[in-house]
Amino acid sequence: MSLLPPLPDEIDIHPGPALLDGIERGPGLAAHRQQYDEPRASSLVELQALVEAVGLRGRGGAAFPFATKLAAAGRGRRALVVVNLAEGETASSKDSALALRRPHLVLDGAVTTARALKAREVHVVLPGDRPVAAERMRAAMAERNDAVRLVEHVTEGRFVSGQARAVVELIERRPNLPVTAWDPEAESGVKRRPTLLSNAETWAHVGLLVLRGAASYRLRGTTSEPGTTLLTVTTPGARPAVHEVAYGSRLRDVLPVSAAGSPGIVGGFHGSWATWPTLANALVSVPGMTSLGAPLAAGVVLLPGSSACSLQVTTDIVEHLAGQSARRCGPCFNGLPALAEAVRGLLEGTGSQQRVEELCGLVARRGACAHPDGTVRLVRSLLLVLTDEVVAHRHGSCTVGVSDLAGAAR
């Protein structure tokens, strides 16, 4: 069986306090302008001060300070701006939710930034495996008449297609796969020009800032971590649910009652397992959840449920990730398939934990991109957090009562 969530065409998008406020009005430009005026032009200095005032961090997974990337792009010549809607993370739907309900907030942020950088174009990267979201964003682009040109690109629709260097390759009309790079994209990206590349949620926050200002933005969240973030809560058999929550809120408030008592994965397929007590007591916070060993990363909470074996789920995910790699470097081409095989050995009670740990050490920090590292992070978290499950399988049983391990693996 497989517990991998499907890529959704339908998402439960809950109204929120900021980005998702007023989504019932519809995604069109007329409705958007009824709620928000045209964003005023900002100089690079003004925009830099604005994002620094709220400590805006990227929402693509790394939580990198946006002001740092903006400053780097502003130091170069002829910068490019890229909206990355690829959302290769299988369990995430937040960028798709914005494309469906808030496309013009995303575009306001990107266009205003492009004008501040004196860029002539905004490159919009659409997800090849999420046609409904792509079409909605395409329709929004057609409604606009901005001072900068909006240029469309479509990814190949695989897990690594949204990786930053894979997006750069796509824009340069090469295969949409990651390659090794030594400089950050904000310094040397498309055609070696400064490239300010962020995901849709990050650009939506920039849009909200330029439309409402820093004081309004700070009304939500905490003093040290102002604002909100989008979370995708994914459970088998149900449509993914996207919630907007203020930093400092209780994570459990957006988790379904059915999840109580069971572990889950925080951060997506490249994330980490967390026990129910961790999930139940966590506050939504980038540094706070990192300190708990469950970083928010892509903003995903995957809840397999009480009837699911965490080792089975991990096996499914690692095998999926091994098949989604670029297959361009040793850690992906050889290491991930070997790691998937070793994890399946743990599931079936025939493998060695020592072998899994050995492969994790061989794969980590050696790939051309972060795909091997993310896969290792998930596996190591299982070994650290859910030790009882691994031990049970070693003795031919399972903590959720599956005794026929070979049958469960099939």
Protein backbone atom coordinates (compact mmCIF):
# COMPACT_ATOMS: atom_id res chain seq x y z
CA MET A 1 0.00 0.00 0.00
CA SER A 2 1.05 3.63 -0.37
CA LEU A 3 0.35 6.46 2.01
CA LEU A 4 1.75 9.16 -0.25
CA PRO A 5 -0.72 12.04 -0.61
CA PRO A 6 -1.69 12.82 -4.22
CA LEU A 7 -0.89 16.14 -5.79
CA PRO A 8 -4.21 17.92 -5.35
CA ASP A 9 -6.42 19.70 -7.83
CA GLU A 10 -8.80 20.49 -4.97
CA ILE A 11 -7.68 22.12 -1.73
CA ASP A 12 -9.57 23.23 1.36
CA ILE A 13 -8.41 26.84 1.72
CA HIS A 14 -9.43 28.42 5.00
CA PRO A 15 -9.83 32.22 5.29
CA GLY A 16 -7.02 33.82 7.24
CA PRO A 17 -6.12 37.06 8.97
CA ALA A 18 -3.78 38.54 6.35
CA LEU A 19 -2.84 36.83 3.07
CA LEU A 20 -6.11 34.88 2.99
CA ASP A 21 -8.32 37.68 4.28
CA GLY A 22 -11.23 38.31 1.90
CA ILE A 23 -10.68 35.28 -0.31
CA GLU A 24 -14.45 34.90 -0.64
CA ARG A 25 -14.39 37.88 -3.02
CA GLY A 26 -12.70 35.78 -5.67
CA PRO A 27 -9.26 35.77 -7.31
CA GLY A 28 -9.87 38.32 -10.07
CA LEU A 29 -8.07 41.66 -10.42
CA ALA A 30 -11.23 43.74 -9.96
CA ALA A 31 -12.01 42.08 -6.64
CA HIS A 32 -8.38 42.43 -5.59
CA ARG A 33 -8.33 46.16 -6.32
CA GLN A 34 -11.55 46.64 -4.35
CA GLN A 35 -9.68 45.35 -1.33
CA TYR A 36 -6.23 46.78 -2.10
CA ASP A 37 -5.25 49.90 -4.02
CA GLU A 38 -2.56 49.86 -6.66
CA PRO A 39 0.78 49.43 -4.90
CA ARG A 40 2.80 52.61 -4.99
CA ALA A 41 6.24 52.57 -6.51
CA SER A 42 9.02 52.01 -3.97
CA SER A 43 12.69 52.75 -4.29
CA LEU A 44 15.10 49.96 -3.50
CA VAL A 45 16.08 51.75 -0.28
CA GLU A 46 12.44 52.05 0.80
CA LEU A 47 11.67 48.43 0.02
CA GLN A 48 14.80 47.27 1.81
CA ALA A 49 13.79 49.22 4.93
CA LEU A 50 10.26 47.80 4.77
CA VAL A 51 11.26 44.14 4.68
CA GLU A 52 13.93 44.73 7.33
CA ALA A 53 11.36 46.39 9.63
CA VAL A 54 9.42 43.13 9.97
CA GLY A 55 12.34 40.73 9.61
CA LEU A 56 10.69 39.07 6.61
CA ARG A 57 11.98 35.56 5.97
CA GLY A 58 11.47 33.45 2.88
CA ARG A 59 8.67 30.89 3.11
CA GLY A 60 10.19 28.38 0.71
CA GLY A 61 11.73 26.19 3.40
CA ALA A 62 15.09 27.69 4.31
CA ALA A 63 13.58 30.75 6.08
CA PHE A 64 16.39 32.90 4.67
CA PRO A 65 16.13 36.65 5.40
CA PHE A 66 14.53 38.28 2.38
CA ALA A 67 16.33 41.58 3.00
CA THR A 68 19.69 39.84 2.53
CA LYS A 69 18.66 38.43 -0.84
CA LEU A 70 17.18 41.78 -1.90
CA ALA A 71 20.37 43.63 -0.99
CA ALA A 72 22.51 41.12 -2.91
CA ALA A 73 20.31 41.41 -6.01
CA GLY A 74 20.39 45.20 -5.76
CA ARG A 75 24.18 45.34 -5.82
CA GLY A 76 24.42 43.73 -9.23
CA ARG A 77 23.35 44.87 -12.67
CA ARG A 78 20.16 44.06 -14.55
CA ALA A 79 18.63 41.92 -11.84
CA LEU A 80 15.86 39.43 -12.56
CA VAL A 81 12.84 38.64 -10.39
CA VAL A 82 11.42 35.10 -10.31
CA VAL A 83 8.15 33.89 -8.77
CA ASN A 84 8.59 30.19 -8.10
CA LEU A 85 5.21 28.42 -8.04
CA ALA A 86 6.67 24.99 -8.79
CA GLU A 87 6.02 23.66 -5.26
CA GLY A 88 7.74 20.35 -5.90
CA GLU A 89 7.07 19.30 -2.31
CA THR A 90 4.38 16.66 -2.79
CA ALA A 91 2.59 17.27 0.51
CA SER A 92 2.47 21.08 0.21
CA SER A 93 -0.39 23.09 -1.29
CA LYS A 94 0.19 26.60 0.03
CA ASP A 95 1.56 28.14 -3.17
CA SER A 96 -1.22 26.46 -5.12
CA ALA A 97 -3.72 27.97 -2.67
CA LEU A 98 -2.31 31.44 -3.35
CA ALA A 99 -2.47 30.87 -7.11
CA LEU A 100 -6.11 29.86 -6.77
CA ARG A 101 -7.24 32.58 -4.36
CA ARG A 102 -4.62 35.32 -4.11
CA PRO A 103 -2.67 35.48 -7.39
CA HIS A 104 -2.61 39.27 -7.56
CA LEU A 105 -1.16 39.66 -4.07
CA VAL A 106 1.73 37.47 -5.23
CA LEU A 107 2.16 39.49 -8.42
CA ASP A 108 1.92 42.85 -6.60
CA GLY A 109 4.87 41.83 -4.44
CA ALA A 110 6.97 40.64 -7.35
CA VAL A 111 6.15 43.53 -9.69
CA THR A 112 6.81 46.18 -7.03
CA THR A 113 10.16 44.58 -6.26
CA ALA A 114 11.06 44.34 -9.95
CA ARG A 115 10.37 48.05 -10.36
CA ALA A 116 12.52 48.86 -7.32
CA LEU A 117 15.35 46.81 -8.85
CA LYS A 118 14.72 48.40 -12.26
CA ALA A 119 14.16 44.93 -13.69
CA ARG A 120 12.30 44.70 -16.97
CA GLU A 121 10.67 41.32 -16.41
CA VAL A 122 9.13 39.10 -13.79
CA HIS A 123 9.54 35.41 -14.57
CA VAL A 124 6.60 33.34 -13.28
CA VAL A 125 7.38 29.62 -12.95
CA LEU A 126 4.19 27.55 -13.06
CA PRO A 127 3.82 23.97 -11.79
CA GLY A 128 3.58 21.42 -14.58
CA ASP A 129 1.92 18.88 -12.27
CA ARG A 130 -0.77 21.23 -10.86
CA PRO A 131 -2.70 22.38 -13.93
CA VAL A 132 -5.59 24.07 -12.09
CA ALA A 133 -3.27 26.30 -10.06
CA ALA A 134 -1.16 27.03 -13.15
CA GLU A 135 -4.20 28.05 -15.18
CA ARG A 136 -5.48 30.36 -12.45
CA MET A 137 -2.14 32.16 -12.25
CA ARG A 138 -1.97 32.33 -16.02
CA ALA A 139 -5.41 33.99 -16.04
CA ALA A 140 -4.27 36.50 -13.42
CA MET A 141 -1.21 37.40 -15.47
CA ALA A 142 -3.43 38.07 -18.48
CA GLU A 143 -5.53 40.53 -16.44
CA ARG A 144 -2.61 42.80 -15.62
CA ASN A 145 -0.98 45.68 -17.43
CA ASP A 146 2.17 46.26 -15.44
CA ALA A 147 5.21 48.36 -16.20
CA VAL A 148 7.24 45.15 -16.29
CA ARG A 149 6.65 42.15 -18.54
CA LEU A 150 5.39 38.90 -17.03
CA VAL A 151 7.11 35.88 -18.58
CA GLU A 152 5.69 32.37 -18.14
CA HIS A 153 7.64 29.14 -17.65
CA VAL A 154 6.27 25.66 -16.84
CA THR A 155 8.18 23.05 -14.85
CA GLU A 156 8.46 19.38 -15.71
CA GLY A 157 6.51 18.42 -12.58
CA ARG A 158 8.90 16.42 -10.45
CA PHE A 159 10.06 16.85 -6.87
CA VAL A 160 13.32 18.63 -7.71
CA SER A 161 11.86 20.84 -10.47
CA GLY A 162 11.24 23.68 -8.05
CA GLN A 163 14.77 23.67 -6.62
CA ALA A 164 16.34 27.09 -7.22
CA ARG A 165 19.04 25.97 -9.65
CA ALA A 166 16.58 23.74 -11.49
CA VAL A 167 14.42 26.84 -12.00
CA VAL A 168 17.41 28.80 -13.27
CA GLU A 169 18.13 25.98 -15.72
CA LEU A 170 14.51 26.03 -16.90
CA ILE A 171 14.56 29.78 -17.54
CA GLU A 172 17.79 29.34 -19.50
CA ARG A 173 16.00 26.68 -21.60
CA ARG A 174 17.98 23.73 -20.37
CA PRO A 175 16.62 20.59 -18.67
CA ASN A 176 14.63 21.51 -15.55
CA LEU A 177 17.05 19.77 -13.16
CA PRO A 178 19.36 21.08 -10.42
CA VAL A 179 23.05 21.57 -11.08
CA THR A 180 26.00 22.39 -8.86
CA ALA A 181 26.48 26.11 -8.23
CA TRP A 182 28.89 27.92 -5.93
CA ASP A 183 27.23 31.35 -5.74
CA PRO A 184 23.73 32.14 -4.46
CA GLU A 185 21.16 32.98 -7.14
CA ALA A 186 20.77 36.53 -5.80
CA GLU A 187 24.40 37.13 -6.81
CA SER A 188 24.69 34.93 -9.90
CA GLY A 189 21.59 33.25 -11.29
CA VAL A 190 20.03 33.37 -14.75
CA LYS A 191 22.78 34.11 -17.26
CA ARG A 192 24.98 34.96 -14.25
CA ARG A 193 22.81 37.97 -13.47
CA PRO A 194 21.51 38.67 -9.94
CA THR A 195 18.29 36.68 -9.66
CA LEU A 196 15.84 37.32 -6.82
CA LEU A 197 14.01 34.01 -6.71
CA SER A 198 11.35 33.28 -4.07
CA ASN A 199 8.25 31.17 -3.76
CA ALA A 200 4.70 32.47 -4.07
CA GLU A 201 4.09 32.84 -0.34
CA THR A 202 7.18 35.01 0.11
CA TRP A 203 6.07 37.29 -2.72
CA ALA A 204 2.56 37.48 -1.24
CA HIS A 205 4.05 38.71 2.04
CA VAL A 206 6.05 41.34 0.13
CA GLY A 207 2.83 42.35 -1.61
CA LEU A 208 1.00 42.68 1.70
CA LEU A 209 3.83 44.79 3.09
CA VAL A 210 3.87 47.27 0.21
CA LEU A 211 0.06 47.50 0.24
CA ARG A 212 -0.53 47.75 4.00
CA GLY A 213 2.79 48.81 5.54
CA ALA A 214 4.94 47.47 8.36
CA ALA A 215 2.73 48.68 11.23
CA SER A 216 -0.28 46.74 9.93
CA TYR A 217 1.88 43.68 9.26
CA ARG A 218 3.13 43.71 12.87
CA LEU A 219 -0.40 43.51 14.28
CA ARG A 220 -0.15 39.72 13.91
CA GLY A 221 2.43 37.34 15.25
CA THR A 222 4.85 38.12 18.05
CA THR A 223 7.21 41.00 18.75
CA SER A 224 10.22 38.96 17.71
CA GLU A 225 8.45 37.11 14.89
CA PRO A 226 5.75 39.29 13.35
CA GLY A 227 3.31 38.21 10.68
CA THR A 228 1.70 34.97 9.60
CA THR A 229 2.62 31.83 7.71
CA LEU A 230 0.73 29.30 5.61
CA LEU A 231 0.54 25.68 6.70
CA THR A 232 -0.63 22.69 4.67
CA VAL A 233 -2.17 19.99 6.84
CA THR A 234 -2.31 16.72 4.91
CA THR A 235 -4.03 13.52 6.01
CA PRO A 236 -4.63 10.36 3.94
CA GLY A 237 -8.03 10.22 2.29
CA ALA A 238 -8.79 13.92 2.79
CA ARG A 239 -8.18 17.01 0.71
CA PRO A 240 -5.15 19.02 1.83
CA ALA A 241 -6.12 21.93 4.07
CA VAL A 242 -4.28 25.24 3.88
CA HIS A 243 -4.43 27.46 6.97
CA GLU A 244 -2.95 30.89 7.62
CA VAL A 245 -1.77 31.20 11.20
CA ALA A 246 -0.02 33.95 13.12
CA TYR A 247 3.41 33.18 14.50
CA GLY A 248 3.10 32.27 18.17
CA SER A 249 -0.19 30.39 17.64
CA ARG A 250 -0.68 26.85 18.87
CA LEU A 251 0.02 24.32 16.14
CA ARG A 252 -2.60 21.91 17.48
CA ASP A 253 -5.37 24.43 16.71
CA VAL A 254 -5.13 23.61 12.99
CA LEU A 255 -4.70 19.85 13.41
CA PRO A 256 -7.71 17.55 13.01
CA VAL A 257 -9.07 15.83 16.11
CA SER A 258 -8.35 12.49 14.46
CA ALA A 259 -4.61 13.22 14.63
CA ALA A 260 -4.51 13.23 18.43
CA GLY A 261 -2.07 10.75 19.90
CA SER A 262 -0.22 9.92 16.67
CA PRO A 263 3.14 11.15 15.34
CA GLY A 264 3.42 13.25 12.21
CA ILE A 265 5.95 14.70 9.80
CA VAL A 266 6.66 18.43 10.00
CA GLY A 267 8.23 20.20 7.05
CA GLY A 268 7.19 17.87 4.23
CA PHE A 269 8.96 14.93 2.63
CA HIS A 270 12.27 16.59 3.47
CA GLY A 271 11.03 17.19 7.00
CA SER A 272 11.21 15.46 10.37
CA TRP A 273 9.07 13.08 12.38
CA ALA A 274 7.61 14.52 15.58
CA THR A 275 5.77 12.78 18.40
CA TRP A 276 2.22 13.78 19.30
CA PRO A 277 3.36 15.58 22.51
CA THR A 278 5.70 17.69 20.37
CA LEU A 279 2.93 18.51 17.89
CA ALA A 280 0.40 19.20 20.65
CA ASN A 281 2.64 21.59 22.58
CA ALA A 282 4.42 23.38 19.74
CA LEU A 283 3.88 27.03 18.90
CA VAL A 284 4.12 28.00 15.24
CA SER A 285 7.58 29.58 15.06
CA VAL A 286 10.60 29.17 12.82
CA PRO A 287 13.25 29.19 15.59
CA GLY A 288 10.90 27.60 18.13
CA MET A 289 10.05 24.55 16.07
CA THR A 290 13.66 24.19 14.95
CA SER A 291 14.64 23.96 18.60
CA LEU A 292 12.08 21.16 19.03
CA GLY A 293 13.72 19.18 16.22
CA ALA A 294 10.73 19.74 13.91
CA PRO A 295 11.55 22.73 11.66
CA LEU A 296 8.60 24.26 9.78
CA ALA A 297 10.59 24.21 6.51
CA ALA A 298 8.02 24.03 3.69
CA GLY A 299 5.14 24.60 6.12
CA VAL A 300 3.72 21.07 5.91
CA VAL A 301 2.24 18.90 8.63
CA LEU A 302 1.69 15.36 7.30
CA LEU A 303 -0.46 13.23 9.62
CA PRO A 304 -0.62 9.57 8.55
CA GLY A 305 -2.99 8.63 11.40
CA SER A 306 -3.09 6.06 14.17
CA SER A 307 -3.53 3.10 11.79
CA ALA A 308 -0.42 3.92 9.77
CA CYS A 309 3.01 2.48 10.43
CA SER A 310 5.57 5.29 10.55
CA LEU A 311 8.25 3.01 9.12
CA GLN A 312 5.97 2.09 6.22
CA VAL A 313 5.28 5.76 5.56
CA THR A 314 8.99 6.57 5.66
CA THR A 315 9.76 3.72 3.27
CA ASP A 316 7.12 4.96 0.83
CA ILE A 317 8.47 8.50 0.95
CA VAL A 318 12.16 7.56 0.61
CA GLU A 319 11.40 5.30 -2.37
CA HIS A 320 9.42 8.13 -3.93
CA LEU A 321 12.25 10.61 -3.36
CA ALA A 322 14.84 8.20 -4.78
CA GLY A 323 12.80 8.07 -7.98
CA GLN A 324 12.41 11.85 -8.16
CA SER A 325 16.07 12.84 -8.09
CA ALA A 326 17.96 14.46 -10.95
CA ARG A 327 20.24 11.38 -11.10
CA ARG A 328 23.15 13.65 -11.93
CA CYS A 329 25.44 13.03 -8.97
CA GLY A 330 26.50 10.00 -6.98
CA PRO A 331 24.44 10.68 -3.83
CA CYS A 332 21.26 10.79 -5.92
CA PHE A 333 22.10 8.23 -8.59
CA ASN A 334 23.49 5.57 -6.26
CA GLY A 335 23.02 6.75 -2.69
CA LEU A 336 19.28 7.38 -2.53
CA PRO A 337 18.25 4.06 -4.14
CA ALA A 338 20.59 2.26 -1.75
CA LEU A 339 19.14 4.17 1.19
CA ALA A 340 15.60 3.35 0.06
CA GLU A 341 16.51 -0.33 -0.11
CA ALA A 342 18.07 -0.21 3.35
CA VAL A 343 15.02 1.51 4.87
CA ARG A 344 12.77 -1.11 3.29
CA GLY A 345 14.99 -3.71 4.96
CA LEU A 346 14.13 -2.14 8.33
CA LEU A 347 10.44 -2.29 7.43
CA GLU A 348 10.59 -5.96 6.54
CA GLY A 349 12.68 -6.83 9.59
CA THR A 350 15.60 -8.07 7.52
CA GLY A 351 17.80 -4.98 7.36
CA SER A 352 20.39 -3.35 9.58
CA GLN A 353 19.99 0.03 11.24
CA GLN A 354 23.75 0.35 11.12
CA ARG A 355 23.60 0.09 7.32
CA VAL A 356 20.95 2.82 7.17
CA GLU A 357 23.03 5.12 9.36
CA GLU A 358 26.12 4.40 7.29
CA LEU A 359 24.32 5.35 4.06
CA CYS A 360 22.93 8.50 5.66
CA GLY A 361 26.50 9.54 6.45
CA LEU A 362 27.68 8.79 2.91
CA VAL A 363 24.81 10.69 1.22
CA ALA A 364 24.48 13.80 3.38
CA ARG A 365 26.16 17.05 2.27
CA ARG A 366 27.59 15.51 -0.89
CA GLY A 367 24.88 16.19 -3.45
CA ALA A 368 24.65 18.91 -6.08
CA CYS A 369 21.47 20.12 -4.37
CA ALA A 370 19.73 19.60 -1.02
CA HIS A 371 17.59 16.67 -2.18
CA PRO A 372 19.82 13.97 -0.61
CA ASP A 373 20.16 16.02 2.60
CA GLY A 374 16.39 16.38 2.95
CA THR A 375 15.88 12.65 2.45
CA VAL A 376 18.50 11.87 5.08
CA ARG A 377 16.84 14.31 7.48
CA LEU A 378 13.58 12.37 7.32
CA VAL A 379 15.27 8.99 7.83
CA ARG A 380 17.42 10.17 10.74
CA SER A 381 14.39 11.70 12.45
CA LEU A 382 12.61 8.34 12.30
CA LEU A 383 15.58 6.59 13.89
CA LEU A 384 15.84 9.25 16.59
CA VAL A 385 12.19 10.00 17.39
CA LEU A 386 10.37 6.73 16.71
CA THR A 387 12.89 4.22 17.94
CA ASP A 388 10.18 1.85 19.22
CA GLU A 389 8.87 1.35 15.69
CA VAL A 390 12.28 0.36 14.35
CA VAL A 391 12.83 -2.04 17.27
CA ALA A 392 9.38 -3.60 16.81
CA HIS A 393 10.07 -4.36 13.15
CA ARG A 394 13.43 -5.82 14.02
CA HIS A 395 11.55 -8.35 16.13
CA GLY A 396 8.94 -9.10 13.44
CA SER A 397 6.08 -6.94 14.77
CA CYS A 398 4.74 -3.41 14.43
CA THR A 399 3.47 -0.86 16.93
CA VAL A 400 0.22 -0.47 14.99
CA GLY A 401 -0.42 -4.21 14.98
CA VAL A 402 0.74 -5.18 11.50
CA SER A 403 2.29 -8.63 11.93
CA ASP A 404 2.72 -9.60 8.29
CA LEU A 405 5.54 -7.16 7.52
CA ALA A 406 6.22 -8.47 4.04
CA GLY A 407 2.53 -8.08 3.21
CA ALA A 408 2.48 -4.58 4.68
CA ALA A 409 5.46 -3.62 2.57
CA ARG A 410 3.63 -4.73 -0.55
